[in-house]
Amino acid sequence: MVQGTIRVDAPVRRVYDQWTQFEEFPRFMHGVAAVEQRDDRHLHWRTGIAGFRREFDAEIVDQVPDERIAWRSVGDGVRQRGVVTFTPLDATHTRVRVVLELEPEGLAERAASALGVVRSRVSGDLRRFKDFVEDRHAATGAWRGRLRPVGAGAPAGAAPGPAPPPPPGPPPS
């Protein structure tokens, strides 16, 4: 498990709104070549990290505006899941915390993981995200919908209304 936290000098709404602009990720995440948002819940990623090129699909399993976004990879290949949380510290500062679980494939990826390459990448990406948000007076876009976990007593997809408080820690399996 890899974790990273950073304080962003911007209100939680702006920070969260920027994070929902997944197709902008290559602007601050090294190794991310492209992210295509296929619908509210599904993303297609193209990455190239330490010489390993990957394409994979991810599903947003839980999304609460201004609080959290949880995802997991779907299909064959890359196996990961994670959650990013947004905590307002005051009216103009937000804590962003990422928890990522991934299963490296092959000896080289396991070695890179053991050497802290992924942890370093997450830390650097968070610093670049902070700079990206703080350099702008507004997010490049926003998506304010609520996505609930499928099978959690609510229909799949966007659902209006208040959301229950998020559970602590990483998303369940």
Protein backbone atom coordinates (compact mmCIF):
# COMPACT_ATOMS: atom_id res chain seq x y z
CA MET A 1 0.00 0.00 0.00
CA VAL A 2 1.23 3.47 -0.92
CA GLN A 3 -0.01 6.61 0.79
CA GLY A 4 0.60 10.28 0.16
CA THR A 5 -0.78 13.46 1.69
CA ILE A 6 -0.39 17.11 0.76
CA ARG A 7 -1.84 20.44 1.86
CA VAL A 8 -3.17 22.52 -1.03
CA ASP A 9 -3.63 26.25 -0.58
CA ALA A 10 -7.09 26.35 -2.16
CA PRO A 11 -10.67 25.72 -1.03
CA VAL A 12 -11.88 22.12 -1.00
CA ARG A 13 -14.42 22.71 -3.78
CA ARG A 14 -11.77 23.95 -6.22
CA VAL A 15 -9.36 21.14 -5.30
CA TYR A 16 -12.02 18.45 -5.66
CA ASP A 17 -13.39 19.95 -8.88
CA GLN A 18 -9.93 19.89 -10.43
CA TRP A 19 -9.35 16.27 -9.43
CA THR A 20 -12.59 15.26 -11.21
CA GLN A 21 -11.03 16.44 -14.49
CA PHE A 22 -9.35 13.08 -15.10
CA GLU A 23 -8.33 13.91 -18.67
CA GLU A 24 -6.09 16.67 -17.23
CA PHE A 25 -4.04 14.14 -15.18
CA PRO A 26 -1.18 13.98 -17.74
CA ARG A 27 -0.51 17.67 -17.00
CA PHE A 28 0.69 16.83 -13.47
CA MET A 29 1.06 13.05 -13.23
CA HIS A 30 4.34 11.84 -14.66
CA GLY A 31 4.00 8.60 -16.53
CA VAL A 32 0.35 9.15 -17.42
CA ALA A 33 0.14 9.56 -21.18
CA ALA A 34 -3.66 9.89 -21.38
CA VAL A 35 -6.86 9.32 -19.48
CA GLU A 36 -10.08 9.00 -21.44
CA GLN A 37 -13.31 9.37 -19.51
CA ARG A 38 -15.76 7.01 -21.19
CA ASP A 39 -18.73 7.81 -18.96
CA ASP A 40 -19.35 9.04 -15.40
CA ARG A 41 -17.97 5.84 -13.91
CA HIS A 42 -15.39 4.45 -16.38
CA LEU A 43 -11.91 5.64 -17.40
CA HIS A 44 -9.33 4.27 -19.83
CA TRP A 45 -5.69 4.91 -18.84
CA ARG A 46 -2.50 4.85 -20.94
CA THR A 47 0.65 4.96 -18.83
CA GLY A 48 4.37 4.61 -19.27
CA ILE A 49 6.31 4.35 -16.03
CA ALA A 50 9.95 3.24 -15.81
CA GLY A 51 9.79 1.75 -19.29
CA PHE A 52 6.57 -0.20 -18.63
CA ARG A 53 3.72 0.78 -20.94
CA ARG A 54 0.24 -0.16 -19.82
CA GLU A 55 -3.32 0.43 -20.88
CA PHE A 56 -6.09 -0.41 -18.49
CA ASP A 57 -9.62 0.45 -17.52
CA ALA A 58 -10.72 1.75 -14.15
CA GLU A 59 -14.09 2.09 -12.53
CA ILE A 60 -15.05 4.75 -10.01
CA VAL A 61 -16.77 2.77 -7.27
CA ASP A 62 -17.64 5.62 -4.91
CA GLN A 63 -17.61 9.37 -5.38
CA VAL A 64 -18.82 11.95 -2.86
CA PRO A 65 -18.38 15.59 -3.93
CA ASP A 66 -15.76 17.45 -1.87
CA GLU A 67 -14.99 14.28 0.16
CA ARG A 68 -13.70 11.26 -1.74
CA ILE A 69 -13.24 9.34 -4.96
CA ALA A 70 -12.57 5.59 -4.81
CA TRP A 71 -11.64 3.48 -7.84
CA ARG A 72 -10.45 0.08 -8.92
CA SER A 73 -9.02 -1.34 -12.09
CA VAL A 74 -11.25 -3.65 -14.08
CA GLY A 75 -10.43 -6.35 -16.58
CA ASP A 76 -7.17 -8.18 -17.11
CA GLY A 77 -3.71 -6.74 -16.57
CA VAL A 78 -3.13 -3.91 -14.14
CA ARG A 79 -4.58 -4.61 -10.70
CA GLN A 80 -5.00 -1.60 -8.46
CA ARG A 81 -7.49 0.18 -6.30
CA GLY A 82 -7.37 3.39 -4.36
CA VAL A 83 -9.08 6.30 -2.76
CA VAL A 84 -8.38 10.01 -2.71
CA THR A 85 -9.91 12.07 0.09
CA PHE A 86 -10.34 15.82 0.38
CA THR A 87 -10.44 17.38 3.85
CA PRO A 88 -11.07 21.10 4.30
CA LEU A 89 -8.58 22.48 6.82
CA ASP A 90 -10.22 25.93 6.72
CA ALA A 91 -11.91 28.07 4.06
CA THR A 92 -8.78 28.28 1.87
CA HIS A 93 -6.76 25.11 2.58
CA THR A 94 -7.42 21.45 1.77
CA ARG A 95 -5.66 18.22 2.69
CA VAL A 96 -5.51 15.69 -0.16
CA ARG A 97 -4.71 12.10 0.78
CA VAL A 98 -4.17 9.26 -1.68
CA VAL A 99 -4.13 5.60 -0.67
CA LEU A 100 -3.17 3.24 -3.48
CA GLU A 101 -2.95 -0.54 -3.49
CA LEU A 102 -1.44 -2.24 -6.50
CA GLU A 103 -0.11 -5.61 -7.45
CA PRO A 104 3.13 -5.29 -9.43
CA GLU A 105 3.53 -7.67 -12.35
CA GLY A 106 6.83 -9.40 -12.94
CA LEU A 107 10.21 -9.16 -11.27
CA ALA A 108 11.11 -5.68 -12.53
CA GLU A 109 7.86 -4.11 -11.32
CA ARG A 110 8.17 -5.83 -7.93
CA ALA A 111 11.73 -4.53 -7.62
CA ALA A 112 10.66 -0.99 -8.56
CA SER A 113 7.88 -1.16 -5.98
CA ALA A 114 10.27 -2.42 -3.30
CA LEU A 115 12.66 0.46 -4.08
CA GLY A 116 9.91 3.01 -3.49
CA VAL A 117 9.43 4.10 -7.10
CA VAL A 118 5.63 4.11 -6.79
CA ARG A 119 5.72 5.95 -3.45
CA SER A 120 8.04 8.55 -4.97
CA ARG A 121 5.79 8.89 -8.01
CA VAL A 122 2.69 9.46 -5.87
CA SER A 123 4.51 12.07 -3.77
CA GLY A 124 5.75 13.93 -6.86
CA ASP A 125 2.34 13.78 -8.54
CA LEU A 126 0.72 15.27 -5.44
CA ARG A 127 3.27 18.12 -5.40
CA ARG A 128 2.62 18.83 -9.08
CA PHE A 129 -1.17 18.67 -8.49
CA LYS A 130 -0.77 21.20 -5.65
CA ASP A 131 1.16 23.56 -7.96
CA PHE A 132 -1.37 23.00 -10.77
CA VAL A 133 -4.31 23.97 -8.53
CA GLU A 134 -2.57 26.84 -6.75
CA ASP A 135 -1.43 28.43 -10.03
CA ARG A 136 -5.07 28.80 -11.15
CA HIS A 137 -7.93 30.81 -9.71
CA ALA A 138 -10.47 28.23 -10.87
CA ALA A 139 -10.57 24.54 -11.72
CA THR A 140 -10.38 23.61 -15.41
CA GLY A 141 -13.81 21.99 -14.98
CA ALA A 142 -15.94 20.15 -12.46
CA TRP A 143 -18.19 17.15 -12.05
CA ARG A 144 -20.37 17.32 -8.95
CA GLY A 145 -22.29 14.04 -9.32
CA ARG A 146 -22.53 11.36 -6.65
CA LEU A 147 -21.60 7.78 -7.52
CA ARG A 148 -22.47 5.04 -5.05
CA PRO A 149 -20.94 1.58 -4.90
CA VAL A 150 -22.96 -0.88 -7.00
CA GLY A 151 -24.95 -3.16 -4.73
CA ALA A 152 -24.89 -0.73 -1.79
CA GLY A 153 -28.65 -0.28 -1.75
CA ALA A 154 -28.65 2.33 -4.51
CA PRO A 155 -28.76 2.07 -8.29
CA ALA A 156 -25.49 2.26 -10.19
CA GLY A 157 -24.48 5.64 -11.53
CA ALA A 158 -25.17 9.15 -10.42
CA ALA A 159 -27.64 9.50 -7.59
CA PRO A 160 -28.90 12.78 -6.17
CA GLY A 161 -29.29 13.52 -2.51
CA PRO A 162 -27.11 13.57 0.57
CA ALA A 163 -24.38 11.00 0.84
CA PRO A 164 -23.58 8.90 3.89
CA PRO A 165 -20.24 9.64 5.57
CA PRO A 166 -17.36 7.80 3.85
CA PRO A 167 -15.80 4.87 5.68
CA PRO A 168 -12.23 5.43 6.90
CA GLY A 169 -9.24 3.91 5.12
CA PRO A 170 -8.93 2.33 1.69
CA PRO A 171 -11.97 1.06 -0.22
CA PRO A 172 -13.17 -2.47 0.49
CA SER A 173 -12.23 -5.35 -1.83
